[in-house]
Amino acid sequence: MIRRRAWKIQSEKREKNPLKGKKIWAMDPYLWHKIAAISGVAALGLGTYGSHGFKPKNPTYKEVWQTASLYHLVHTAALVASPIAKRPHIFGGLLTAGIVAFSGTCYTVAYLEDRKYSKLAPLGGSAFIAAWGSLLF
């Protein structure tokens, strides 16, 4: 009984929520559908260019482009499902960061045919791993 009473006194001393009644800007989870649509258009366009228009001097860069295109498209498809995730903004944000960092780096390396631009790719891969891991929690 004493504990219950002490808890009641503490709860009365607490300040009221300063944000209660105020409008808070929250991002709509379905915004990830729009981001997925833009990413999908880019993935298909870059994949088509890689298949039909990209002619590197060194054929290994064609494989790098194909890898970038594959990861871009697969993770864009996953991005469509982000609104139904428990934490859609974390999942969608990490996938988007992974697409930009990993696939973007691979596209750059392949297009410029220079591996010195590949430093960001491991961070993109880590973002992909973190995104899929975020579904566990």
C-alpha atoms as a PDB file:
ATOM      1  CA  MET A   1       0.000   0.000   0.000  1.00  0.00           C
ATOM      2  CA  ILE A   2       2.835   2.379   0.764  1.00  0.00           C
ATOM      3  CA  ARG A   3       4.480   1.630  -2.560  1.00  0.00           C
ATOM      4  CA  ARG A   4       1.297   2.265  -4.439  1.00  0.00           C
ATOM      5  CA  ARG A   5       0.817   5.559  -2.661  1.00  0.00           C
ATOM      6  CA  ALA A   6       4.409   6.683  -3.340  1.00  0.00           C
ATOM      7  CA  TRP A   7       3.958   5.862  -6.999  1.00  0.00           C
ATOM      8  CA  LYS A   8       0.788   7.901  -7.098  1.00  0.00           C
ATOM      9  CA  ILE A   9       2.555  10.906  -5.548  1.00  0.00           C
ATOM     10  CA  GLN A  10       5.415  10.637  -8.040  1.00  0.00           C
ATOM     11  CA  SER A  11       3.046  10.455 -10.972  1.00  0.00           C
ATOM     12  CA  GLU A  12       1.316  13.615  -9.783  1.00  0.00           C
ATOM     13  CA  LYS A  13       4.659  15.433  -9.608  1.00  0.00           C
ATOM     14  CA  ARG A  14       5.595  14.516 -13.178  1.00  0.00           C
ATOM     15  CA  GLU A  15       5.332  17.204 -15.788  1.00  0.00           C
ATOM     16  CA  LYS A  16       2.710  16.834 -18.418  1.00  0.00           C
ATOM     17  CA  ASN A  17       3.810  15.894 -21.912  1.00  0.00           C
ATOM     18  CA  PRO A  18       4.855  19.167 -23.581  1.00  0.00           C
ATOM     19  CA  LEU A  19       4.044  17.714 -27.011  1.00  0.00           C
ATOM     20  CA  LYS A  20       0.522  16.655 -26.113  1.00  0.00           C
ATOM     21  CA  GLY A  21      -2.017  18.418 -28.276  1.00  0.00           C
ATOM     22  CA  LYS A  22       0.586  19.785 -30.685  1.00  0.00           C
ATOM     23  CA  LYS A  23       0.938  18.616 -34.233  1.00  0.00           C
ATOM     24  CA  ILE A  24       4.047  16.548 -34.748  1.00  0.00           C
ATOM     25  CA  TRP A  25       5.353  16.021 -38.250  1.00  0.00           C
ATOM     26  CA  ALA A  26       5.647  12.305 -38.869  1.00  0.00           C
ATOM     27  CA  MET A  27       6.748  10.726 -42.099  1.00  0.00           C
ATOM     28  CA  ASP A  28       4.112   8.614 -43.803  1.00  0.00           C
ATOM     29  CA  PRO A  29       5.323   4.997 -44.126  1.00  0.00           C
ATOM     30  CA  TYR A  30       3.834   4.841 -47.618  1.00  0.00           C
ATOM     31  CA  LEU A  31       6.329   7.435 -48.799  1.00  0.00           C
ATOM     32  CA  TRP A  32       8.652   4.437 -49.210  1.00  0.00           C
ATOM     33  CA  HIS A  33       6.445   3.304 -52.109  1.00  0.00           C
ATOM     34  CA  LYS A  34       7.261   6.521 -53.944  1.00  0.00           C
ATOM     35  CA  ILE A  35      10.956   6.158 -53.181  1.00  0.00           C
ATOM     36  CA  ALA A  36      10.769   2.541 -54.390  1.00  0.00           C
ATOM     37  CA  ALA A  37       9.080   3.706 -57.602  1.00  0.00           C
ATOM     38  CA  ILE A  38      11.865   6.214 -58.310  1.00  0.00           C
ATOM     39  CA  SER A  39      14.495   3.628 -57.443  1.00  0.00           C
ATOM     40  CA  GLY A  40      12.782   1.027 -59.628  1.00  0.00           C
ATOM     41  CA  VAL A  41      12.729   3.330 -62.628  1.00  0.00           C
ATOM     42  CA  ALA A  42      16.416   4.074 -62.069  1.00  0.00           C
ATOM     43  CA  ALA A  43      17.253   0.366 -61.618  1.00  0.00           C
ATOM     44  CA  LEU A  44      15.515  -0.605 -64.845  1.00  0.00           C
ATOM     45  CA  GLY A  45      17.012   2.289 -66.773  1.00  0.00           C
ATOM     46  CA  LEU A  46      20.546   1.616 -65.541  1.00  0.00           C
ATOM     47  CA  GLY A  47      20.126  -2.126 -66.060  1.00  0.00           C
ATOM     48  CA  THR A  48      18.964  -1.571 -69.625  1.00  0.00           C
ATOM     49  CA  TYR A  49      21.856   0.768 -70.297  1.00  0.00           C
ATOM     50  CA  GLY A  50      24.247  -1.798 -68.832  1.00  0.00           C
ATOM     51  CA  SER A  51      22.903  -4.547 -71.061  1.00  0.00           C
ATOM     52  CA  HIS A  52      22.620  -2.631 -74.322  1.00  0.00           C
ATOM     53  CA  GLY A  53      24.670   0.548 -74.245  1.00  0.00           C
ATOM     54  CA  PHE A  54      27.538   0.069 -71.822  1.00  0.00           C
ATOM     55  CA  LYS A  55      30.715  -0.981 -73.639  1.00  0.00           C
ATOM     56  CA  PRO A  56      33.679  -0.861 -71.250  1.00  0.00           C
ATOM     57  CA  LYS A  57      37.220  -1.417 -72.479  1.00  0.00           C
ATOM     58  CA  ASN A  58      37.757  -4.022 -69.765  1.00  0.00           C
ATOM     59  CA  PRO A  59      34.958  -6.654 -69.710  1.00  0.00           C
ATOM     60  CA  THR A  60      35.219  -7.157 -65.929  1.00  0.00           C
ATOM     61  CA  TYR A  61      33.565  -3.769 -65.460  1.00  0.00           C
ATOM     62  CA  LYS A  62      30.512  -5.083 -67.285  1.00  0.00           C
ATOM     63  CA  GLU A  63      30.182  -7.673 -64.490  1.00  0.00           C
ATOM     64  CA  VAL A  64      30.519  -4.925 -61.869  1.00  0.00           C
ATOM     65  CA  TRP A  65      27.686  -3.035 -63.583  1.00  0.00           C
ATOM     66  CA  GLN A  66      25.523  -6.172 -63.634  1.00  0.00           C
ATOM     67  CA  THR A  67      26.165  -6.742 -59.921  1.00  0.00           C
ATOM     68  CA  ALA A  68      25.166  -3.162 -59.140  1.00  0.00           C
ATOM     69  CA  SER A  69      22.031  -3.523 -61.233  1.00  0.00           C
ATOM     70  CA  LEU A  70      21.051  -6.815 -59.580  1.00  0.00           C
ATOM     71  CA  TYR A  71      21.480  -5.505 -56.021  1.00  0.00           C
ATOM     72  CA  HIS A  72      19.722  -2.281 -56.953  1.00  0.00           C
ATOM     73  CA  LEU A  73      16.680  -4.085 -58.346  1.00  0.00           C
ATOM     74  CA  VAL A  74      16.407  -6.714 -55.590  1.00  0.00           C
ATOM     75  CA  HIS A  75      16.597  -4.174 -52.793  1.00  0.00           C
ATOM     76  CA  THR A  76      14.181  -1.865 -54.585  1.00  0.00           C
ATOM     77  CA  ALA A  77      11.675  -4.730 -54.583  1.00  0.00           C
ATOM     78  CA  ALA A  78      12.253  -5.116 -50.844  1.00  0.00           C
ATOM     79  CA  LEU A  79      11.773  -1.366 -50.411  1.00  0.00           C
ATOM     80  CA  VAL A  80       8.183  -1.742 -51.650  1.00  0.00           C
ATOM     81  CA  ALA A  81       7.444  -3.858 -48.566  1.00  0.00           C
ATOM     82  CA  SER A  82       8.936  -1.414 -46.072  1.00  0.00           C
ATOM     83  CA  PRO A  83       5.575   0.126 -44.993  1.00  0.00           C
ATOM     84  CA  ILE A  84       4.535  -3.215 -43.500  1.00  0.00           C
ATOM     85  CA  ALA A  85       7.747  -3.592 -41.496  1.00  0.00           C
ATOM     86  CA  LYS A  86       7.624  -3.005 -37.746  1.00  0.00           C
ATOM     87  CA  ARG A  87       9.952  -0.012 -38.141  1.00  0.00           C
ATOM     88  CA  PRO A  88       9.421   1.101 -41.748  1.00  0.00           C
ATOM     89  CA  HIS A  89      11.630   4.171 -41.577  1.00  0.00           C
ATOM     90  CA  ILE A  90      14.644   2.266 -40.303  1.00  0.00           C
ATOM     91  CA  PHE A  91      14.221  -0.545 -42.838  1.00  0.00           C
ATOM     92  CA  GLY A  92      13.508   1.793 -45.752  1.00  0.00           C
ATOM     93  CA  GLY A  93      16.239   4.238 -44.811  1.00  0.00           C
ATOM     94  CA  LEU A  94      18.884   1.540 -44.530  1.00  0.00           C
ATOM     95  CA  LEU A  95      17.832  -0.044 -47.817  1.00  0.00           C
ATOM     96  CA  THR A  96      17.922   3.325 -49.561  1.00  0.00           C
ATOM     97  CA  ALA A  97      21.344   4.100 -48.079  1.00  0.00           C
ATOM     98  CA  GLY A  98      22.569   0.689 -49.203  1.00  0.00           C
ATOM     99  CA  ILE A  99      21.267   1.193 -52.731  1.00  0.00           C
ATOM    100  CA  VAL A 100      22.906   4.592 -53.021  1.00  0.00           C
ATOM    101  CA  ALA A 101      26.191   3.591 -51.386  1.00  0.00           C
ATOM    102  CA  PHE A 102      26.681   0.072 -52.763  1.00  0.00           C
ATOM    103  CA  SER A 103      25.013   0.167 -56.166  1.00  0.00           C
ATOM    104  CA  GLY A 104      25.950   3.793 -56.766  1.00  0.00           C
ATOM    105  CA  THR A 105      29.588   3.035 -56.029  1.00  0.00           C
ATOM    106  CA  CYS A 106      29.558  -0.012 -58.290  1.00  0.00           C
ATOM    107  CA  TYR A 107      27.952   1.983 -61.117  1.00  0.00           C
ATOM    108  CA  THR A 108      30.601   4.681 -60.702  1.00  0.00           C
ATOM    109  CA  VAL A 109      33.476   2.186 -60.638  1.00  0.00           C
ATOM    110  CA  ALA A 110      32.187   0.437 -63.742  1.00  0.00           C
ATOM    111  CA  TYR A 111      31.410   3.603 -65.691  1.00  0.00           C
ATOM    112  CA  LEU A 112      34.729   5.292 -64.928  1.00  0.00           C
ATOM    113  CA  GLU A 113      36.613   1.978 -65.064  1.00  0.00           C
ATOM    114  CA  ASP A 114      38.560   2.950 -61.983  1.00  0.00           C
ATOM    115  CA  ARG A 115      38.454   1.045 -58.691  1.00  0.00           C
ATOM    116  CA  LYS A 116      39.658   3.980 -56.630  1.00  0.00           C
ATOM    117  CA  TYR A 117      36.008   4.997 -56.209  1.00  0.00           C
ATOM    118  CA  SER A 118      35.065   1.731 -54.503  1.00  0.00           C
ATOM    119  CA  LYS A 119      35.648   2.855 -50.905  1.00  0.00           C
ATOM    120  CA  LEU A 120      31.952   3.421 -50.161  1.00  0.00           C
ATOM    121  CA  ALA A 121      30.740  -0.010 -51.315  1.00  0.00           C
ATOM    122  CA  PRO A 122      31.442  -1.827 -48.007  1.00  0.00           C
ATOM    123  CA  LEU A 123      29.331   0.750 -46.159  1.00  0.00           C
ATOM    124  CA  GLY A 124      26.496   0.134 -48.596  1.00  0.00           C
ATOM    125  CA  GLY A 125      26.792  -3.602 -48.059  1.00  0.00           C
ATOM    126  CA  SER A 126      26.721  -3.038 -44.316  1.00  0.00           C
ATOM    127  CA  ALA A 127      23.591  -0.926 -44.720  1.00  0.00           C
ATOM    128  CA  PHE A 128      21.944  -3.804 -46.612  1.00  0.00           C
ATOM    129  CA  ILE A 129      22.869  -6.217 -43.835  1.00  0.00           C
ATOM    130  CA  ALA A 130      21.621  -3.816 -41.161  1.00  0.00           C
ATOM    131  CA  ALA A 131      18.341  -3.327 -43.038  1.00  0.00           C
ATOM    132  CA  TRP A 132      17.643  -7.043 -43.186  1.00  0.00           C
ATOM    133  CA  GLY A 133      18.744  -7.403 -39.573  1.00  0.00           C
ATOM    134  CA  SER A 134      16.364  -4.641 -38.508  1.00  0.00           C
ATOM    135  CA  LEU A 135      13.469  -6.917 -39.399  1.00  0.00           C
ATOM    136  CA  LEU A 136      14.408  -9.097 -36.440  1.00  0.00           C
ATOM    137  CA  PHE A 137      13.540  -6.385 -33.905  1.00  0.00           C
END
